[in-house]
Amino acid sequence: MANIKSAKKRILVNKTKADRNKSIKSGVKTSIKKVYAAIDANDKNAAQDALTAATVSLSKATTKGVYHKNTSSRKISRMAQAVNKMAN
């Protein structure tokens, strides 16, 4: 354990931020899983709704600095491509 006051504070702040980032990442992963679950179920309307929700959650995570913008763009692009490939 750190002895210096500022180091102790950094440990607490880093833990708080790590917990926040973990929570946000978990929510994003869940929303992405919902998109692919709808695709597997062959439900185009549900997939499009889930895609919209996942896009919003990924964009917010990117704004907060949890994901890099290219990472979120890649994930959104792949999900959109998968939804668009579905048979009507």
PDB file of N, CA and C in Angstrom:
ATOM      1  N   MET A   1       0.847  -1.191   0.000  1.00  0.00           N
ATOM      2  CA  MET A   1       0.000   0.000   0.000  1.00  0.00           C
ATOM      3  C   MET A   1       0.884   1.242   0.000  1.00  0.00           C
ATOM      4  N   ALA A   2       0.430   2.246  -0.698  1.00  0.00           N
ATOM      5  CA  ALA A   2       1.187   3.495  -0.802  1.00  0.00           C
ATOM      6  C   ALA A   2       1.180   4.249   0.522  1.00  0.00           C
ATOM      7  N   ASN A   3       2.254   4.973   0.762  1.00  0.00           N
ATOM      8  CA  ASN A   3       2.358   5.780   1.976  1.00  0.00           C
ATOM      9  C   ASN A   3       2.051   7.253   1.711  1.00  0.00           C
ATOM     10  N   ILE A   4       2.274   7.696   0.502  1.00  0.00           N
ATOM     11  CA  ILE A   4       2.085   9.108   0.166  1.00  0.00           C
ATOM     12  C   ILE A   4       0.602   9.370  -0.089  1.00  0.00           C
ATOM     13  N   LYS A   5       0.142  10.510   0.421  1.00  0.00           N
ATOM     14  CA  LYS A   5      -1.285  10.838   0.361  1.00  0.00           C
ATOM     15  C   LYS A   5      -1.809  10.883  -1.082  1.00  0.00           C
ATOM     16  N   SER A   6      -1.054  11.498  -1.974  1.00  0.00           N
ATOM     17  CA  SER A   6      -1.507  11.615  -3.365  1.00  0.00           C
ATOM     18  C   SER A   6      -1.566  10.243  -4.042  1.00  0.00           C
ATOM     19  N   ALA A   7      -0.649   9.358  -3.668  1.00  0.00           N
ATOM     20  CA  ALA A   7      -0.653   8.006  -4.240  1.00  0.00           C
ATOM     21  C   ALA A   7      -1.865   7.226  -3.755  1.00  0.00           C
ATOM     22  N   LYS A   8      -2.222   7.420  -2.490  1.00  0.00           N
ATOM     23  CA  LYS A   8      -3.426   6.768  -1.956  1.00  0.00           C
ATOM     24  C   LYS A   8      -4.664   7.251  -2.702  1.00  0.00           C
ATOM     25  N   LYS A   9      -4.712   8.552  -2.968  1.00  0.00           N
ATOM     26  CA  LYS A   9      -5.858   9.108  -3.690  1.00  0.00           C
ATOM     27  C   LYS A   9      -5.908   8.546  -5.116  1.00  0.00           C
ATOM     28  N   ARG A  10      -4.768   8.438  -5.774  1.00  0.00           N
ATOM     29  CA  ARG A  10      -4.742   7.913  -7.141  1.00  0.00           C
ATOM     30  C   ARG A  10      -5.282   6.485  -7.177  1.00  0.00           C
ATOM     31  N   ILE A  11      -4.931   5.690  -6.170  1.00  0.00           N
ATOM     32  CA  ILE A  11      -5.424   4.314  -6.109  1.00  0.00           C
ATOM     33  C   ILE A  11      -6.947   4.300  -6.037  1.00  0.00           C
ATOM     34  N   LEU A  12      -7.501   5.170  -5.185  1.00  0.00           N
ATOM     35  CA  LEU A  12      -8.964   5.235  -5.050  1.00  0.00           C
ATOM     36  C   LEU A  12      -9.626   5.720  -6.336  1.00  0.00           C
ATOM     37  N   VAL A  13      -9.048   6.756  -6.939  1.00  0.00           N
ATOM     38  CA  VAL A  13      -9.622   7.315  -8.167  1.00  0.00           C
ATOM     39  C   VAL A  13      -9.554   6.291  -9.304  1.00  0.00           C
ATOM     40  N   ASN A  14      -8.416   5.596  -9.400  1.00  0.00           N
ATOM     41  CA  ASN A  14      -8.272   4.589 -10.461  1.00  0.00           C
ATOM     42  C   ASN A  14      -9.269   3.454 -10.295  1.00  0.00           C
ATOM     43  N   LYS A  15      -9.517   3.043  -9.055  1.00  0.00           N
ATOM     44  CA  LYS A  15     -10.497   1.979  -8.800  1.00  0.00           C
ATOM     45  C   LYS A  15     -11.895   2.446  -9.197  1.00  0.00           C
ATOM     46  N   THR A  16     -12.235   3.673  -8.844  1.00  0.00           N
ATOM     47  CA  THR A  16     -13.546   4.223  -9.203  1.00  0.00           C
ATOM     48  C   THR A  16     -13.733   4.246 -10.716  1.00  0.00           C
ATOM     49  N   LYS A  17     -12.723   4.732 -11.427  1.00  0.00           N
ATOM     50  CA  LYS A  17     -12.807   4.806 -12.886  1.00  0.00           C
ATOM     51  C   LYS A  17     -12.847   3.419 -13.529  1.00  0.00           C
ATOM     52  N   ALA A  18     -12.076   2.482 -12.978  1.00  0.00           N
ATOM     53  CA  ALA A  18     -12.068   1.120 -13.517  1.00  0.00           C
ATOM     54  C   ALA A  18     -13.435   0.471 -13.336  1.00  0.00           C
ATOM     55  N   ASP A  19     -14.060   0.693 -12.182  1.00  0.00           N
ATOM     56  CA  ASP A  19     -15.398   0.145 -11.942  1.00  0.00           C
ATOM     57  C   ASP A  19     -16.417   0.736 -12.912  1.00  0.00           C
ATOM     58  N   ARG A  20     -16.315   2.034 -13.143  1.00  0.00           N
ATOM     59  CA  ARG A  20     -17.228   2.711 -14.067  1.00  0.00           C
ATOM     60  C   ARG A  20     -17.044   2.171 -15.485  1.00  0.00           C
ATOM     61  N   ASN A  21     -15.789   2.050 -15.913  1.00  0.00           N
ATOM     62  CA  ASN A  21     -15.513   1.538 -17.254  1.00  0.00           C
ATOM     63  C   ASN A  21     -15.988   0.101 -17.405  1.00  0.00           C
ATOM     64  N   LYS A  22     -15.811  -0.710 -16.369  1.00  0.00           N
ATOM     65  CA  LYS A  22     -16.245  -2.101 -16.410  1.00  0.00           C
ATOM     66  C   LYS A  22     -17.756  -2.181 -16.575  1.00  0.00           C
ATOM     67  N   SER A  23     -18.467  -1.328 -15.866  1.00  0.00           N
ATOM     68  CA  SER A  23     -19.925  -1.297 -15.952  1.00  0.00           C
ATOM     69  C   SER A  23     -20.385  -0.904 -17.357  1.00  0.00           C
ATOM     70  N   ILE A  24     -19.758   0.118 -17.909  1.00  0.00           N
ATOM     71  CA  ILE A  24     -20.124   0.589 -19.248  1.00  0.00           C
ATOM     72  C   ILE A  24     -19.819  -0.492 -20.291  1.00  0.00           C
ATOM     73  N   LYS A  25     -18.642  -1.115 -20.194  1.00  0.00           N
ATOM     74  CA  LYS A  25     -18.265  -2.166 -21.151  1.00  0.00           C
ATOM     75  C   LYS A  25     -19.216  -3.352 -21.069  1.00  0.00           C
ATOM     76  N   SER A  26     -19.616  -3.694 -19.864  1.00  0.00           N
ATOM     77  CA  SER A  26     -20.540  -4.809 -19.677  1.00  0.00           C
ATOM     78  C   SER A  26     -21.874  -4.520 -20.363  1.00  0.00           C
ATOM     79  N   GLY A  27     -22.371  -3.297 -20.205  1.00  0.00           N
ATOM     80  CA  GLY A  27     -23.626  -2.907 -20.851  1.00  0.00           C
ATOM     81  C   GLY A  27     -23.525  -2.942 -22.364  1.00  0.00           C
ATOM     82  N   VAL A  28     -22.401  -2.499 -22.892  1.00  0.00           N
ATOM     83  CA  VAL A  28     -22.189  -2.507 -24.342  1.00  0.00           C
ATOM     84  C   VAL A  28     -22.157  -3.942 -24.862  1.00  0.00           C
ATOM     85  N   LYS A  29     -21.432  -4.814 -24.145  1.00  0.00           N
ATOM     86  CA  LYS A  29     -21.350  -6.205 -24.573  1.00  0.00           C
ATOM     87  C   LYS A  29     -22.720  -6.867 -24.566  1.00  0.00           C
ATOM     88  N   THR A  30     -23.534  -6.542 -23.574  1.00  0.00           N
ATOM     89  CA  THR A  30     -24.887  -7.099 -23.506  1.00  0.00           C
ATOM     90  C   THR A  30     -25.719  -6.642 -24.697  1.00  0.00           C
ATOM     91  N   SER A  31     -25.626  -5.355 -25.029  1.00  0.00           N
ATOM     92  CA  SER A  31     -26.405  -4.843 -26.155  1.00  0.00           C
ATOM     93  C   SER A  31     -25.945  -5.464 -27.472  1.00  0.00           C
ATOM     94  N   ILE A  32     -24.654  -5.714 -27.599  1.00  0.00           N
ATOM     95  CA  ILE A  32     -24.137  -6.357 -28.811  1.00  0.00           C
ATOM     96  C   ILE A  32     -24.642  -7.799 -28.893  1.00  0.00           C
ATOM     97  N   LYS A  33     -24.651  -8.495 -27.766  1.00  0.00           N
ATOM     98  CA  LYS A  33     -25.147  -9.873 -27.746  1.00  0.00           C
ATOM     99  C   LYS A  33     -26.619  -9.930 -28.150  1.00  0.00           C
ATOM    100  N   LYS A  34     -27.398  -8.913 -27.759  1.00  0.00           N
ATOM    101  CA  LYS A  34     -28.821  -8.884 -28.122  1.00  0.00           C
ATOM    102  C   LYS A  34     -28.993  -8.776 -29.627  1.00  0.00           C
ATOM    103  N   VAL A  35     -28.120  -8.003 -30.275  1.00  0.00           N
ATOM    104  CA  VAL A  35     -28.187  -7.870 -31.737  1.00  0.00           C
ATOM    105  C   VAL A  35     -27.941  -9.228 -32.392  1.00  0.00           C
ATOM    106  N   TYR A  36     -26.868  -9.896 -31.987  1.00  0.00           N
ATOM    107  CA  TYR A  36     -26.534 -11.180 -32.605  1.00  0.00           C
ATOM    108  C   TYR A  36     -27.538 -12.274 -32.243  1.00  0.00           C
ATOM    109  N   ALA A  37     -28.153 -12.170 -31.065  1.00  0.00           N
ATOM    110  CA  ALA A  37     -29.195 -13.137 -30.694  1.00  0.00           C
ATOM    111  C   ALA A  37     -30.410 -12.963 -31.597  1.00  0.00           C
ATOM    112  N   ALA A  38     -30.770 -11.724 -31.900  1.00  0.00           N
ATOM    113  CA  ALA A  38     -31.898 -11.458 -32.797  1.00  0.00           C
ATOM    114  C   ALA A  38     -31.574 -11.926 -34.216  1.00  0.00           C
ATOM    115  N   ILE A  39     -30.320 -11.774 -34.622  1.00  0.00           N
ATOM    116  CA  ILE A  39     -29.917 -12.237 -35.954  1.00  0.00           C
ATOM    117  C   ILE A  39     -30.020 -13.762 -36.017  1.00  0.00           C
ATOM    118  N   ASP A  40     -29.553 -14.434 -34.958  1.00  0.00           N
ATOM    119  CA  ASP A  40     -29.634 -15.895 -34.924  1.00  0.00           C
ATOM    120  C   ASP A  40     -31.081 -16.385 -34.925  1.00  0.00           C
ATOM    121  N   ALA A  41     -31.970 -15.601 -34.290  1.00  0.00           N
ATOM    122  CA  ALA A  41     -33.390 -15.960 -34.255  1.00  0.00           C
ATOM    123  C   ALA A  41     -34.088 -15.597 -35.564  1.00  0.00           C
ATOM    124  N   ASN A  42     -33.361 -14.928 -36.467  1.00  0.00           N
ATOM    125  CA  ASN A  42     -33.879 -14.511 -37.772  1.00  0.00           C
ATOM    126  C   ASN A  42     -35.064 -13.552 -37.637  1.00  0.00           C
ATOM    127  N   ASP A  43     -34.984 -12.647 -36.669  1.00  0.00           N
ATOM    128  CA  ASP A  43     -36.021 -11.640 -36.420  1.00  0.00           C
ATOM    129  C   ASP A  43     -35.464 -10.274 -36.814  1.00  0.00           C
ATOM    130  N   LYS A  44     -35.782  -9.850 -38.028  1.00  0.00           N
ATOM    131  CA  LYS A  44     -35.176  -8.631 -38.568  1.00  0.00           C
ATOM    132  C   LYS A  44     -35.577  -7.380 -37.797  1.00  0.00           C
ATOM    133  N   ASN A  45     -36.860  -7.275 -37.417  1.00  0.00           N
ATOM    134  CA  ASN A  45     -37.296  -6.084 -36.684  1.00  0.00           C
ATOM    135  C   ASN A  45     -36.600  -5.967 -35.329  1.00  0.00           C
ATOM    136  N   ALA A  46     -36.526  -7.075 -34.621  1.00  0.00           N
ATOM    137  CA  ALA A  46     -35.846  -7.074 -33.320  1.00  0.00           C
ATOM    138  C   ALA A  46     -34.366  -6.766 -33.498  1.00  0.00           C
ATOM    139  N   ALA A  47     -33.771  -7.286 -34.559  1.00  0.00           N
ATOM    140  CA  ALA A  47     -32.352  -7.038 -34.817  1.00  0.00           C
ATOM    141  C   ALA A  47     -32.093  -5.562 -35.097  1.00  0.00           C
ATOM    142  N   GLN A  48     -32.997  -4.935 -35.858  1.00  0.00           N
ATOM    143  CA  GLN A  48     -32.823  -3.511 -36.160  1.00  0.00           C
ATOM    144  C   GLN A  48     -32.996  -2.657 -34.903  1.00  0.00           C
ATOM    145  N   ASP A  49     -33.968  -3.011 -34.063  1.00  0.00           N
ATOM    146  CA  ASP A  49     -34.161  -2.276 -32.814  1.00  0.00           C
ATOM    147  C   ASP A  49     -32.954  -2.449 -31.898  1.00  0.00           C
ATOM    148  N   ALA A  50     -32.456  -3.677 -31.809  1.00  0.00           N
ATOM    149  CA  ALA A  50     -31.294  -3.956 -30.967  1.00  0.00           C
ATOM    150  C   ALA A  50     -30.047  -3.254 -31.522  1.00  0.00           C
ATOM    151  N   LEU A  51     -29.960  -3.182 -32.842  1.00  0.00           N
ATOM    152  CA  LEU A  51     -28.829  -2.486 -33.467  1.00  0.00           C
ATOM    153  C   LEU A  51     -28.834  -1.009 -33.105  1.00  0.00           C
ATOM    154  N   THR A  52     -30.004  -0.396 -33.128  1.00  0.00           N
ATOM    155  CA  THR A  52     -30.112   1.017 -32.760  1.00  0.00           C
ATOM    156  C   THR A  52     -29.672   1.231 -31.319  1.00  0.00           C
ATOM    157  N   ALA A  53     -30.148   0.373 -30.420  1.00  0.00           N
ATOM    158  CA  ALA A  53     -29.788   0.492 -29.009  1.00  0.00           C
ATOM    159  C   ALA A  53     -28.284   0.264 -28.800  1.00  0.00           C
ATOM    160  N   ALA A  54     -27.743  -0.724 -29.497  1.00  0.00           N
ATOM    161  CA  ALA A  54     -26.316  -1.024 -29.363  1.00  0.00           C
ATOM    162  C   ALA A  54     -25.460   0.116 -29.907  1.00  0.00           C
ATOM    163  N   THR A  55     -25.906   0.725 -30.999  1.00  0.00           N
ATOM    164  CA  THR A  55     -25.180   1.847 -31.582  1.00  0.00           C
ATOM    165  C   THR A  55     -25.132   3.015 -30.611  1.00  0.00           C
ATOM    166  N   VAL A  56     -26.252   3.288 -29.969  1.00  0.00           N
ATOM    167  CA  VAL A  56     -26.312   4.380 -28.995  1.00  0.00           C
ATOM    168  C   VAL A  56     -25.385   4.099 -27.815  1.00  0.00           C
ATOM    169  N   SER A  57     -25.435   2.882 -27.287  1.00  0.00           N
ATOM    170  CA  SER A  57     -24.606   2.558 -26.124  1.00  0.00           C
ATOM    171  C   SER A  57     -23.118   2.592 -26.479  1.00  0.00           C
ATOM    172  N   LEU A  58     -22.770   2.111 -27.673  1.00  0.00           N
ATOM    173  CA  LEU A  58     -21.369   2.166 -28.103  1.00  0.00           C
ATOM    174  C   LEU A  58     -20.902   3.607 -28.307  1.00  0.00           C
ATOM    175  N   SER A  59     -21.756   4.431 -28.874  1.00  0.00           N
ATOM    176  CA  SER A  59     -21.392   5.829 -29.093  1.00  0.00           C
ATOM    177  C   SER A  59     -21.178   6.561 -27.772  1.00  0.00           C
ATOM    178  N   LYS A  60     -22.045   6.282 -26.803  1.00  0.00           N
ATOM    179  CA  LYS A  60     -21.884   6.905 -25.486  1.00  0.00           C
ATOM    180  C   LYS A  60     -20.598   6.443 -24.819  1.00  0.00           C
ATOM    181  N   ALA A  61     -20.288   5.150 -24.946  1.00  0.00           N
ATOM    182  CA  ALA A  61     -19.056   4.628 -24.356  1.00  0.00           C
ATOM    183  C   ALA A  61     -17.828   5.278 -25.005  1.00  0.00           C
ATOM    184  N   THR A  62     -17.919   5.528 -26.300  1.00  0.00           N
ATOM    185  CA  THR A  62     -16.822   6.187 -27.008  1.00  0.00           C
ATOM    186  C   THR A  62     -16.672   7.625 -26.529  1.00  0.00           C
ATOM    187  N   THR A  63     -17.780   8.301 -26.340  1.00  0.00           N
ATOM    188  CA  THR A  63     -17.756   9.679 -25.857  1.00  0.00           C
ATOM    189  C   THR A  63     -17.139   9.760 -24.462  1.00  0.00           C
ATOM    190  N   LYS A  64     -17.422   8.763 -23.638  1.00  0.00           N
ATOM    191  CA  LYS A  64     -16.884   8.730 -22.275  1.00  0.00           C
ATOM    192  C   LYS A  64     -15.417   8.317 -22.238  1.00  0.00           C
ATOM    193  N   GLY A  65     -14.889   7.828 -23.365  1.00  0.00           N
ATOM    194  CA  GLY A  65     -13.489   7.438 -23.417  1.00  0.00           C
ATOM    195  C   GLY A  65     -13.241   5.987 -23.052  1.00  0.00           C
ATOM    196  N   VAL A  66     -14.304   5.189 -23.007  1.00  0.00           N
ATOM    197  CA  VAL A  66     -14.149   3.779 -22.657  1.00  0.00           C
ATOM    198  C   VAL A  66     -13.637   2.989 -23.859  1.00  0.00           C
ATOM    199  N   TYR A  67     -14.140   3.317 -25.043  1.00  0.00           N
ATOM    200  CA  TYR A  67     -13.702   2.673 -26.281  1.00  0.00           C
ATOM    201  C   TYR A  67     -13.065   3.721 -27.190  1.00  0.00           C
ATOM    202  N   HIS A  68     -12.102   3.298 -27.996  1.00  0.00           N
ATOM    203  CA  HIS A  68     -11.535   4.158 -29.028  1.00  0.00           C
ATOM    204  C   HIS A  68     -12.561   4.295 -30.148  1.00  0.00           C
ATOM    205  N   LYS A  69     -12.557   5.431 -30.823  1.00  0.00           N
ATOM    206  CA  LYS A  69     -13.586   5.674 -31.844  1.00  0.00           C
ATOM    207  C   LYS A  69     -13.532   4.675 -32.988  1.00  0.00           C
ATOM    208  N   ASN A  70     -12.325   4.231 -33.354  1.00  0.00           N
ATOM    209  CA  ASN A  70     -12.224   3.248 -34.441  1.00  0.00           C
ATOM    210  C   ASN A  70     -12.769   1.890 -34.022  1.00  0.00           C
ATOM    211  N   THR A  71     -12.587   1.553 -32.750  1.00  0.00           N
ATOM    212  CA  THR A  71     -13.101   0.280 -32.238  1.00  0.00           C
ATOM    213  C   THR A  71     -14.619   0.274 -32.293  1.00  0.00           C
ATOM    214  N   SER A  72     -15.228   1.353 -31.827  1.00  0.00           N
ATOM    215  CA  SER A  72     -16.690   1.399 -31.829  1.00  0.00           C
ATOM    216  C   SER A  72     -17.224   1.453 -33.258  1.00  0.00           C
ATOM    217  N   SER A  73     -16.545   2.178 -34.130  1.00  0.00           N
ATOM    218  CA  SER A  73     -16.974   2.243 -35.530  1.00  0.00           C
ATOM    219  C   SER A  73     -16.923   0.865 -36.173  1.00  0.00           C
ATOM    220  N   ARG A  74     -15.863   0.118 -35.880  1.00  0.00           N
ATOM    221  CA  ARG A  74     -15.722  -1.234 -36.435  1.00  0.00           C
ATOM    222  C   ARG A  74     -16.829  -2.152 -35.939  1.00  0.00           C
ATOM    223  N   LYS A  75     -17.114  -2.094 -34.651  1.00  0.00           N
ATOM    224  CA  LYS A  75     -18.156  -2.945 -34.077  1.00  0.00           C
ATOM    225  C   LYS A  75     -19.532  -2.590 -34.655  1.00  0.00           C
ATOM    226  N   ILE A  76     -19.825  -1.295 -34.751  1.00  0.00           N
ATOM    227  CA  ILE A  76     -21.107  -0.851 -35.305  1.00  0.00           C
ATOM    228  C   ILE A  76     -21.235  -1.284 -36.758  1.00  0.00           C
ATOM    229  N   SER A  77     -20.157  -1.128 -37.521  1.00  0.00           N
ATOM    230  CA  SER A  77     -20.173  -1.491 -38.933  1.00  0.00           C
ATOM    231  C   SER A  77     -20.435  -2.982 -39.124  1.00  0.00           C
ATOM    232  N   ARG A  78     -19.782  -3.804 -38.313  1.00  0.00           N
ATOM    233  CA  ARG A  78     -19.959  -5.249 -38.441  1.00  0.00           C
ATOM    234  C   ARG A  78     -21.377  -5.669 -38.068  1.00  0.00           C
ATOM    235  N   MET A  79     -21.924  -5.042 -37.026  1.00  0.00           N
ATOM    236  CA  MET A  79     -23.298  -5.379 -36.635  1.00  0.00           C
ATOM    237  C   MET A  79     -24.285  -4.952 -37.716  1.00  0.00           C
ATOM    238  N   ALA A  80     -24.103  -3.745 -38.245  1.00  0.00           N
ATOM    239  CA  ALA A  80     -25.007  -3.243 -39.284  1.00  0.00           C
ATOM    240  C   ALA A  80     -24.942  -4.121 -40.524  1.00  0.00           C
ATOM    241  N   GLN A  81     -23.745  -4.539 -40.870  1.00  0.00           N
ATOM    242  CA  GLN A  81     -23.577  -5.413 -42.039  1.00  0.00           C
ATOM    243  C   GLN A  81     -24.284  -6.745 -41.819  1.00  0.00           C
ATOM    244  N   ALA A  82     -24.192  -7.286 -40.621  1.00  0.00           N
ATOM    245  CA  ALA A  82     -24.837  -8.558 -40.311  1.00  0.00           C
ATOM    246  C   ALA A  82     -26.351  -8.425 -40.359  1.00  0.00           C
ATOM    247  N   VAL A  83     -26.882  -7.301 -39.853  1.00  0.00           N
ATOM    248  CA  VAL A  83     -28.328  -7.081 -39.878  1.00  0.00           C
ATOM    249  C   VAL A  83     -28.816  -6.894 -41.311  1.00  0.00           C
ATOM    250  N   ASN A  84     -28.044  -6.159 -42.105  1.00  0.00           N
ATOM    251  CA  ASN A  84     -28.452  -5.912 -43.486  1.00  0.00           C
ATOM    252  C   ASN A  84     -28.385  -7.159 -44.349  1.00  0.00           C
ATOM    253  N   LYS A  85     -27.546  -8.123 -43.981  1.00  0.00           N
ATOM    254  CA  LYS A  85     -27.454  -9.369 -44.745  1.00  0.00           C
ATOM    255  C   LYS A  85     -28.630 -10.305 -44.494  1.00  0.00           C
ATOM    256  N   MET A  86     -29.380 -10.055 -43.425  1.00  0.00           N
ATOM    257  CA  MET A  86     -30.481 -10.950 -43.082  1.00  0.00           C
ATOM    258  C   MET A  86     -31.519 -10.988 -44.201  1.00  0.00           C
ATOM    259  N   ALA A  87     -32.129 -12.138 -44.374  1.00  0.00           N
ATOM    260  CA  ALA A  87     -33.199 -12.267 -45.379  1.00  0.00           C
ATOM    261  C   ALA A  87     -34.448 -11.579 -44.837  1.00  0.00           C
ATOM    262  N   ASN A  88     -35.168 -10.950 -45.732  1.00  0.00           N
ATOM    263  CA  ASN A  88     -36.405 -10.259 -45.300  1.00  0.00           C
ATOM    264  C   ASN A  88     -37.406 -11.256 -44.956  1.00  0.00           C
TER     265      ASN A  88
END
